[in-house]
Amino acid sequence: MKNGNFMKLTLKTKSSIETQNIAKLIAPLLIPGDVITLTGDLGAGKTTFVKGIAKCLKIEEDIISPACNILKCYFQSKPHLYHIDAYRLENIHQELGLEEFIEGDGICVIEWPVFIDYLIPKDHLEVSIVNKGDNNREITFIGFGNHYDNIIEQIKKA
């Protein structure tokens, strides 16, 4: 459904495997320079979603939240995958060098983007994950820009 200037789609999953499978649908559609923001409470499934993207990119390394490190880079995939967890960046107002990854040559996935919203490009894919209890999740995609609208259209067809 097109709302204003963005495309929106909501899907429901009943397991972490289903959440990863949804992420696997978008992974082949991603290109270098793409930015995905992931929102949701602690334990909602943000890192599980990233695991699905990584599996599709054939990354064999364990995908864990980079909360302590802020940034985790996976260079064995083409394009590279950059996983940022900005949770610990609330109230930090200094140059961290994250721009080179967000604007870089890989796919950049950002958890807790609200804490670095000034770095998020206008065109990006927003993924919101809501824990509905047990293993049930509601995943909402919002595309900002034609490329991301096209990704959502492809998800609808899958």
N, C-alpha and C. Protein backbone atom coordinates (compact mmCIF):
# COMPACT_ATOMS: atom_id res chain seq x y z
N MET A 1 0.85 -1.17 0.00
CA MET A 1 0.00 0.00 0.00
C MET A 1 0.90 1.24 0.00
N LYS A 2 0.58 2.21 -0.81
CA LYS A 2 1.35 3.44 -0.92
C LYS A 2 0.69 4.49 -0.03
N ASN A 3 1.45 4.99 0.95
CA ASN A 3 0.96 6.03 1.87
C ASN A 3 1.81 7.27 1.68
N GLY A 4 1.24 8.33 1.17
CA GLY A 4 2.02 9.56 0.99
C GLY A 4 3.18 9.31 0.06
N ASN A 5 4.40 9.47 0.56
CA ASN A 5 5.60 9.30 -0.26
C ASN A 5 6.33 8.00 0.02
N PHE A 6 5.68 7.04 0.64
CA PHE A 6 6.38 5.80 0.93
C PHE A 6 5.47 4.59 0.79
N MET A 7 6.10 3.45 0.51
CA MET A 7 5.42 2.17 0.38
C MET A 7 5.49 1.46 1.72
N LYS A 8 4.40 0.77 2.09
CA LYS A 8 4.35 0.10 3.39
C LYS A 8 3.75 -1.29 3.22
N LEU A 9 4.31 -2.26 3.96
CA LEU A 9 3.82 -3.64 3.94
C LEU A 9 4.05 -4.25 5.31
N THR A 10 3.04 -4.95 5.84
CA THR A 10 3.17 -5.63 7.13
C THR A 10 2.95 -7.12 6.93
N LEU A 11 3.87 -7.92 7.50
CA LEU A 11 3.79 -9.38 7.46
C LEU A 11 3.86 -9.92 8.88
N LYS A 12 3.36 -11.13 9.07
CA LYS A 12 3.41 -11.77 10.39
C LYS A 12 4.20 -13.06 10.31
N THR A 13 4.98 -13.32 11.36
CA THR A 13 5.73 -14.56 11.43
C THR A 13 5.42 -15.25 12.76
N LYS A 14 5.64 -16.55 12.78
CA LYS A 14 5.33 -17.35 13.97
C LYS A 14 6.55 -18.06 14.55
N SER A 15 7.74 -17.75 14.01
CA SER A 15 8.97 -18.36 14.53
C SER A 15 10.17 -17.54 14.07
N SER A 16 11.30 -17.78 14.71
CA SER A 16 12.52 -17.07 14.31
C SER A 16 12.93 -17.50 12.90
N ILE A 17 12.67 -18.75 12.54
CA ILE A 17 12.98 -19.22 11.19
C ILE A 17 12.15 -18.45 10.16
N GLU A 18 10.87 -18.24 10.44
CA GLU A 18 10.02 -17.46 9.52
C GLU A 18 10.51 -16.02 9.41
N THR A 19 10.96 -15.45 10.52
CA THR A 19 11.49 -14.08 10.50
C THR A 19 12.74 -14.04 9.61
N GLN A 20 13.62 -15.03 9.75
CA GLN A 20 14.81 -15.09 8.91
C GLN A 20 14.43 -15.29 7.45
N ASN A 21 13.41 -16.11 7.20
CA ASN A 21 12.99 -16.35 5.82
C ASN A 21 12.46 -15.08 5.15
N ILE A 22 11.79 -14.23 5.93
CA ILE A 22 11.34 -12.93 5.39
C ILE A 22 12.55 -12.10 5.00
N ALA A 23 13.57 -12.10 5.86
CA ALA A 23 14.80 -11.35 5.56
C ALA A 23 15.49 -11.92 4.32
N LYS A 24 15.44 -13.23 4.17
CA LYS A 24 16.05 -13.86 2.99
C LYS A 24 15.37 -13.42 1.69
N LEU A 25 14.10 -13.03 1.77
CA LEU A 25 13.40 -12.55 0.57
C LEU A 25 13.99 -11.24 0.06
N ILE A 26 14.40 -10.37 0.99
CA ILE A 26 14.90 -9.07 0.56
C ILE A 26 16.39 -9.08 0.23
N ALA A 27 17.14 -9.99 0.83
CA ALA A 27 18.60 -9.98 0.66
C ALA A 27 19.04 -9.99 -0.80
N PRO A 28 18.46 -10.82 -1.68
CA PRO A 28 18.92 -10.80 -3.08
C PRO A 28 18.59 -9.51 -3.81
N LEU A 29 17.71 -8.71 -3.25
CA LEU A 29 17.29 -7.47 -3.89
C LEU A 29 18.15 -6.28 -3.47
N LEU A 30 19.00 -6.51 -2.49
CA LEU A 30 19.82 -5.42 -1.94
C LEU A 30 21.06 -5.22 -2.79
N ILE A 31 21.49 -3.97 -2.87
CA ILE A 31 22.67 -3.61 -3.65
C ILE A 31 23.62 -2.79 -2.78
N PRO A 32 24.90 -2.71 -3.20
CA PRO A 32 25.85 -1.90 -2.43
C PRO A 32 25.31 -0.48 -2.22
N GLY A 33 25.45 -0.01 -0.99
CA GLY A 33 24.97 1.32 -0.63
C GLY A 33 23.61 1.32 0.01
N ASP A 34 22.92 0.17 0.02
CA ASP A 34 21.60 0.11 0.64
C ASP A 34 21.70 0.23 2.16
N VAL A 35 20.70 0.89 2.73
CA VAL A 35 20.62 1.08 4.18
C VAL A 35 19.27 0.57 4.66
N ILE A 36 19.32 -0.30 5.67
CA ILE A 36 18.11 -0.83 6.30
C ILE A 36 18.16 -0.44 7.77
N THR A 37 17.10 0.20 8.24
CA THR A 37 17.01 0.49 9.67
C THR A 37 16.07 -0.52 10.31
N LEU A 38 16.45 -1.00 11.49
CA LEU A 38 15.66 -1.98 12.23
C LEU A 38 15.22 -1.39 13.55
N THR A 39 13.91 -1.32 13.75
CA THR A 39 13.39 -0.83 15.02
C THR A 39 12.58 -1.93 15.69
N GLY A 40 12.52 -1.85 17.00
CA GLY A 40 11.78 -2.82 17.80
C GLY A 40 12.38 -2.88 19.18
N ASP A 41 11.58 -3.33 20.12
CA ASP A 41 12.05 -3.44 21.51
C ASP A 41 13.17 -4.47 21.61
N LEU A 42 13.84 -4.49 22.77
CA LEU A 42 14.83 -5.53 23.05
C LEU A 42 14.16 -6.89 22.91
N GLY A 43 14.80 -7.79 22.18
CA GLY A 43 14.25 -9.13 22.01
C GLY A 43 13.18 -9.26 20.95
N ALA A 44 12.94 -8.20 20.18
CA ALA A 44 11.89 -8.24 19.16
C ALA A 44 12.26 -9.15 17.99
N GLY A 45 13.55 -9.27 17.70
CA GLY A 45 13.98 -10.10 16.57
C GLY A 45 14.81 -9.36 15.55
N LYS A 46 15.37 -8.22 15.93
CA LYS A 46 16.17 -7.44 14.99
C LYS A 46 17.40 -8.21 14.52
N THR A 47 18.14 -8.76 15.46
CA THR A 47 19.34 -9.52 15.09
C THR A 47 18.97 -10.80 14.36
N THR A 48 17.84 -11.40 14.70
CA THR A 48 17.35 -12.58 13.97
C THR A 48 17.11 -12.21 12.51
N PHE A 49 16.57 -11.05 12.27
CA PHE A 49 16.34 -10.57 10.91
C PHE A 49 17.67 -10.43 10.17
N VAL A 50 18.67 -9.87 10.83
CA VAL A 50 19.99 -9.71 10.22
C VAL A 50 20.58 -11.08 9.89
N LYS A 51 20.35 -12.06 10.74
CA LYS A 51 20.83 -13.42 10.47
C LYS A 51 20.28 -13.95 9.16
N GLY A 52 19.03 -13.65 8.86
CA GLY A 52 18.43 -14.08 7.60
C GLY A 52 19.11 -13.44 6.40
N ILE A 53 19.40 -12.16 6.50
CA ILE A 53 20.12 -11.48 5.42
C ILE A 53 21.49 -12.10 5.24
N ALA A 54 22.19 -12.31 6.36
CA ALA A 54 23.54 -12.88 6.32
C ALA A 54 23.56 -14.28 5.70
N LYS A 55 22.58 -15.09 6.06
CA LYS A 55 22.52 -16.44 5.48
C LYS A 55 22.38 -16.38 3.97
N CYS A 56 21.56 -15.49 3.50
CA CYS A 56 21.34 -15.35 2.06
C CYS A 56 22.61 -14.84 1.37
N LEU A 57 23.39 -14.04 2.07
CA LEU A 57 24.66 -13.54 1.53
C LEU A 57 25.79 -14.56 1.69
N LYS A 58 25.45 -15.73 2.22
CA LYS A 58 26.40 -16.83 2.42
C LYS A 58 27.48 -16.50 3.45
N ILE A 59 27.12 -15.71 4.44
CA ILE A 59 28.03 -15.41 5.55
C ILE A 59 27.92 -16.55 6.55
N GLU A 60 29.03 -17.20 6.82
CA GLU A 60 29.03 -18.37 7.70
C GLU A 60 29.32 -18.00 9.15
N GLU A 61 29.84 -16.84 9.38
CA GLU A 61 30.17 -16.38 10.73
C GLU A 61 28.89 -16.22 11.55
N ASP A 62 28.97 -16.49 12.86
CA ASP A 62 27.81 -16.28 13.72
C ASP A 62 27.45 -14.80 13.74
N ILE A 63 26.17 -14.54 13.59
CA ILE A 63 25.68 -13.16 13.62
C ILE A 63 25.16 -12.90 15.02
N ILE A 64 25.81 -11.98 15.70
CA ILE A 64 25.36 -11.58 17.03
C ILE A 64 25.22 -10.06 17.03
N SER A 65 24.45 -9.56 17.95
CA SER A 65 24.26 -8.12 18.04
C SER A 65 25.60 -7.46 18.38
N PRO A 66 25.98 -6.44 17.63
CA PRO A 66 27.24 -5.75 17.92
C PRO A 66 27.09 -4.69 19.01
N ALA A 67 26.20 -4.90 19.96
CA ALA A 67 25.90 -3.88 20.97
C ALA A 67 27.14 -3.39 21.70
N CYS A 68 28.05 -4.27 22.05
CA CYS A 68 29.25 -3.85 22.77
C CYS A 68 30.26 -3.19 21.85
N ASN A 69 30.30 -3.62 20.59
CA ASN A 69 31.27 -3.09 19.64
C ASN A 69 30.72 -1.96 18.78
N ILE A 70 29.42 -1.78 18.75
CA ILE A 70 28.70 -0.81 17.92
C ILE A 70 28.61 -1.28 16.46
N LEU A 71 29.72 -1.77 15.89
CA LEU A 71 29.76 -2.12 14.47
C LEU A 71 30.42 -3.48 14.29
N LYS A 72 29.80 -4.28 13.44
CA LYS A 72 30.38 -5.58 13.05
C LYS A 72 30.39 -5.61 11.53
N CYS A 73 31.54 -5.91 10.95
CA CYS A 73 31.68 -5.96 9.50
C CYS A 73 31.87 -7.40 9.05
N TYR A 74 31.19 -7.76 8.00
CA TYR A 74 31.30 -9.09 7.41
C TYR A 74 31.80 -8.90 5.98
N PHE A 75 33.10 -9.13 5.80
CA PHE A 75 33.74 -8.86 4.52
C PHE A 75 33.74 -10.06 3.58
N GLN A 76 33.33 -11.25 4.07
CA GLN A 76 33.37 -12.43 3.21
C GLN A 76 32.23 -12.45 2.20
N SER A 77 31.27 -11.55 2.31
CA SER A 77 30.17 -11.50 1.35
C SER A 77 30.41 -10.39 0.34
N LYS A 78 29.78 -10.54 -0.80
CA LYS A 78 29.78 -9.49 -1.82
C LYS A 78 28.32 -9.18 -2.12
N PRO A 79 27.80 -8.03 -1.84
CA PRO A 79 28.51 -6.93 -1.18
C PRO A 79 28.74 -7.24 0.30
N HIS A 80 29.64 -6.46 0.91
CA HIS A 80 29.92 -6.59 2.34
C HIS A 80 28.66 -6.25 3.14
N LEU A 81 28.59 -6.79 4.35
CA LEU A 81 27.49 -6.48 5.26
C LEU A 81 28.05 -5.75 6.46
N TYR A 82 27.47 -4.58 6.74
CA TYR A 82 27.85 -3.78 7.91
C TYR A 82 26.65 -3.76 8.85
N HIS A 83 26.85 -4.22 10.07
CA HIS A 83 25.78 -4.33 11.06
C HIS A 83 26.10 -3.38 12.21
N ILE A 84 25.30 -2.35 12.34
CA ILE A 84 25.49 -1.33 13.38
C ILE A 84 24.40 -1.49 14.42
N ASP A 85 24.79 -1.46 15.69
CA ASP A 85 23.83 -1.41 16.79
C ASP A 85 24.09 -0.10 17.52
N ALA A 86 23.21 0.86 17.34
CA ALA A 86 23.40 2.21 17.89
C ALA A 86 22.82 2.37 19.29
N TYR A 87 22.41 1.28 19.92
CA TYR A 87 21.76 1.36 21.23
C TYR A 87 22.58 2.13 22.25
N ARG A 88 23.87 1.93 22.27
CA ARG A 88 24.73 2.59 23.25
C ARG A 88 25.16 4.00 22.83
N LEU A 89 24.63 4.49 21.73
CA LEU A 89 25.04 5.80 21.23
C LEU A 89 24.10 6.92 21.62
N GLU A 90 23.10 6.62 22.43
CA GLU A 90 22.21 7.68 22.91
C GLU A 90 23.05 8.69 23.68
N ASN A 91 22.85 9.95 23.40
CA ASN A 91 23.54 11.06 24.06
C ASN A 91 25.02 11.15 23.71
N ILE A 92 25.48 10.44 22.71
CA ILE A 92 26.86 10.59 22.25
C ILE A 92 26.83 11.47 21.02
N HIS A 93 27.47 12.59 21.11
CA HIS A 93 27.42 13.57 20.02
C HIS A 93 28.84 13.87 19.53
N GLN A 94 29.50 12.82 19.07
CA GLN A 94 30.84 13.01 18.53
C GLN A 94 30.98 12.21 17.24
N GLU A 95 31.98 12.55 16.49
CA GLU A 95 32.25 11.87 15.23
C GLU A 95 32.72 10.45 15.54
N LEU A 96 32.02 9.46 15.00
CA LEU A 96 32.36 8.06 15.24
C LEU A 96 32.86 7.34 13.99
N GLY A 97 32.74 7.99 12.84
CA GLY A 97 33.20 7.39 11.60
C GLY A 97 32.24 6.38 11.01
N LEU A 98 31.00 6.35 11.49
CA LEU A 98 30.03 5.40 10.96
C LEU A 98 29.56 5.75 9.55
N GLU A 99 29.74 7.01 9.18
CA GLU A 99 29.29 7.45 7.86
C GLU A 99 29.92 6.65 6.74
N GLU A 100 31.19 6.27 6.90
CA GLU A 100 31.87 5.54 5.83
C GLU A 100 31.25 4.17 5.60
N PHE A 101 30.57 3.63 6.60
CA PHE A 101 29.88 2.35 6.43
C PHE A 101 28.45 2.56 5.96
N ILE A 102 27.79 3.57 6.51
CA ILE A 102 26.40 3.87 6.12
C ILE A 102 26.36 4.33 4.67
N GLU A 103 27.34 5.09 4.25
CA GLU A 103 27.40 5.59 2.88
C GLU A 103 28.35 4.77 2.03
N GLY A 104 28.73 3.59 2.52
CA GLY A 104 29.79 2.81 1.89
C GLY A 104 29.36 1.90 0.77
N ASP A 105 30.22 0.93 0.51
CA ASP A 105 30.08 0.03 -0.62
C ASP A 105 29.38 -1.27 -0.28
N GLY A 106 28.82 -1.35 0.91
CA GLY A 106 28.14 -2.58 1.32
C GLY A 106 26.69 -2.33 1.64
N ILE A 107 26.09 -3.34 2.25
CA ILE A 107 24.73 -3.23 2.76
C ILE A 107 24.86 -2.89 4.23
N CYS A 108 24.22 -1.84 4.67
CA CYS A 108 24.32 -1.40 6.05
C CYS A 108 22.98 -1.61 6.75
N VAL A 109 23.01 -2.40 7.82
CA VAL A 109 21.80 -2.65 8.62
C VAL A 109 22.03 -2.00 9.98
N ILE A 110 21.09 -1.16 10.39
CA ILE A 110 21.27 -0.37 11.62
C ILE A 110 20.15 -0.67 12.61
N GLU A 111 20.53 -1.25 13.75
CA GLU A 111 19.59 -1.43 14.85
C GLU A 111 19.61 -0.17 15.70
N TRP A 112 18.47 0.19 16.25
CA TRP A 112 18.31 1.39 17.08
C TRP A 112 18.72 2.65 16.33
N PRO A 113 18.22 2.86 15.11
CA PRO A 113 18.63 4.02 14.32
C PRO A 113 18.24 5.36 14.93
N VAL A 114 17.29 5.37 15.84
CA VAL A 114 16.85 6.62 16.46
C VAL A 114 18.02 7.36 17.11
N PHE A 115 19.05 6.62 17.55
CA PHE A 115 20.16 7.26 18.25
C PHE A 115 21.20 7.87 17.30
N ILE A 116 21.07 7.55 16.01
CA ILE A 116 21.95 8.18 15.02
C ILE A 116 21.12 8.64 13.81
N ASP A 117 19.93 9.10 14.08
CA ASP A 117 19.01 9.46 12.99
C ASP A 117 19.59 10.52 12.05
N TYR A 118 20.49 11.35 12.54
CA TYR A 118 21.11 12.38 11.71
C TYR A 118 22.04 11.77 10.65
N LEU A 119 22.37 10.49 10.78
CA LEU A 119 23.22 9.81 9.80
C LEU A 119 22.44 8.99 8.78
N ILE A 120 21.15 8.80 9.02
CA ILE A 120 20.34 7.94 8.16
C ILE A 120 19.99 8.70 6.88
N PRO A 121 20.30 8.10 5.72
CA PRO A 121 19.95 8.79 4.47
C PRO A 121 18.45 8.86 4.27
N LYS A 122 18.04 9.82 3.47
CA LYS A 122 16.61 10.01 3.19
C LYS A 122 16.03 8.74 2.57
N ASP A 123 16.73 8.15 1.60
CA ASP A 123 16.29 6.91 0.97
C ASP A 123 16.84 5.73 1.76
N HIS A 124 15.95 4.93 2.30
CA HIS A 124 16.35 3.73 3.05
C HIS A 124 15.13 2.83 3.23
N LEU A 125 15.35 1.64 3.73
CA LEU A 125 14.26 0.72 4.04
C LEU A 125 14.15 0.62 5.55
N GLU A 126 13.00 0.98 6.07
CA GLU A 126 12.75 0.86 7.51
C GLU A 126 12.01 -0.45 7.77
N VAL A 127 12.54 -1.22 8.71
CA VAL A 127 11.91 -2.47 9.11
C VAL A 127 11.61 -2.37 10.60
N SER A 128 10.34 -2.47 10.94
CA SER A 128 9.90 -2.40 12.33
C SER A 128 9.40 -3.79 12.74
N ILE A 129 9.94 -4.31 13.84
CA ILE A 129 9.55 -5.63 14.31
C ILE A 129 8.89 -5.49 15.68
N VAL A 130 7.68 -6.03 15.79
CA VAL A 130 6.93 -5.97 17.04
C VAL A 130 6.73 -7.40 17.55
N ASN A 131 7.11 -7.62 18.80
CA ASN A 131 6.90 -8.91 19.45
C ASN A 131 5.44 -8.98 19.89
N LYS A 132 4.71 -9.93 19.32
CA LYS A 132 3.29 -10.09 19.63
C LYS A 132 3.05 -11.21 20.65
N GLY A 133 4.11 -11.68 21.30
CA GLY A 133 3.98 -12.75 22.29
C GLY A 133 4.37 -14.09 21.70
N ASP A 134 4.87 -14.96 22.57
CA ASP A 134 5.39 -16.25 22.15
C ASP A 134 6.44 -16.00 21.05
N ASN A 135 6.33 -16.66 19.94
CA ASN A 135 7.27 -16.46 18.83
C ASN A 135 6.67 -15.63 17.71
N ASN A 136 5.54 -15.02 17.95
CA ASN A 136 4.83 -14.24 16.94
C ASN A 136 5.43 -12.84 16.80
N ARG A 137 5.67 -12.46 15.54
CA ARG A 137 6.21 -11.14 15.26
C ARG A 137 5.39 -10.50 14.15
N GLU A 138 5.31 -9.18 14.21
CA GLU A 138 4.71 -8.39 13.14
C GLU A 138 5.83 -7.53 12.56
N ILE A 139 6.11 -7.73 11.28
CA ILE A 139 7.21 -7.05 10.63
C ILE A 139 6.63 -6.08 9.60
N THR A 140 6.94 -4.80 9.79
CA THR A 140 6.45 -3.77 8.88
C THR A 140 7.62 -3.17 8.12
N PHE A 141 7.47 -3.15 6.80
CA PHE A 141 8.46 -2.56 5.90
C PHE A 141 7.92 -1.23 5.42
N ILE A 142 8.76 -0.21 5.49
CA ILE A 142 8.41 1.09 4.93
C ILE A 142 9.56 1.50 4.02
N GLY A 143 9.24 1.71 2.75
CA GLY A 143 10.25 2.11 1.77
C GLY A 143 10.28 3.61 1.59
N PHE A 144 11.44 4.15 1.73
CA PHE A 144 11.66 5.57 1.48
C PHE A 144 12.55 5.68 0.25
N GLY A 145 11.94 5.91 -0.91
CA GLY A 145 12.65 5.96 -2.18
C GLY A 145 12.20 4.85 -3.10
N ASN A 146 12.29 5.09 -4.39
CA ASN A 146 11.80 4.15 -5.40
C ASN A 146 12.44 2.78 -5.30
N HIS A 147 13.74 2.73 -5.08
CA HIS A 147 14.44 1.45 -4.97
C HIS A 147 13.82 0.59 -3.86
N TYR A 148 13.55 1.20 -2.73
CA TYR A 148 13.01 0.45 -1.59
C TYR A 148 11.53 0.13 -1.79
N ASP A 149 10.81 1.00 -2.49
CA ASP A 149 9.43 0.67 -2.87
C ASP A 149 9.42 -0.58 -3.75
N ASN A 150 10.38 -0.66 -4.67
CA ASN A 150 10.48 -1.83 -5.55
C ASN A 150 10.78 -3.10 -4.76
N ILE A 151 11.62 -2.99 -3.73
CA ILE A 151 11.91 -4.15 -2.88
C ILE A 151 10.62 -4.63 -2.21
N ILE A 152 9.84 -3.69 -1.69
CA ILE A 152 8.58 -4.07 -1.04
C ILE A 152 7.62 -4.71 -2.04
N GLU A 153 7.58 -4.20 -3.25
CA GLU A 153 6.73 -4.80 -4.29
C GLU A 153 7.15 -6.25 -4.56
N GLN A 154 8.47 -6.49 -4.57
CA GLN A 154 8.97 -7.85 -4.80
C GLN A 154 8.61 -8.78 -3.63
N ILE A 155 8.64 -8.25 -2.41
CA ILE A 155 8.27 -9.05 -1.24
C ILE A 155 6.80 -9.45 -1.36
N LYS A 156 5.96 -8.53 -1.81
CA LYS A 156 4.52 -8.81 -1.96
C LYS A 156 4.29 -9.96 -2.94
N LYS A 157 5.11 -10.03 -3.98
CA LYS A 157 4.95 -11.05 -5.01
C LYS A 157 5.45 -12.43 -4.58
N ALA A 158 6.29 -12.46 -3.57
CA ALA A 158 6.92 -13.73 -3.14
C ALA A 158 5.94 -14.62 -2.39
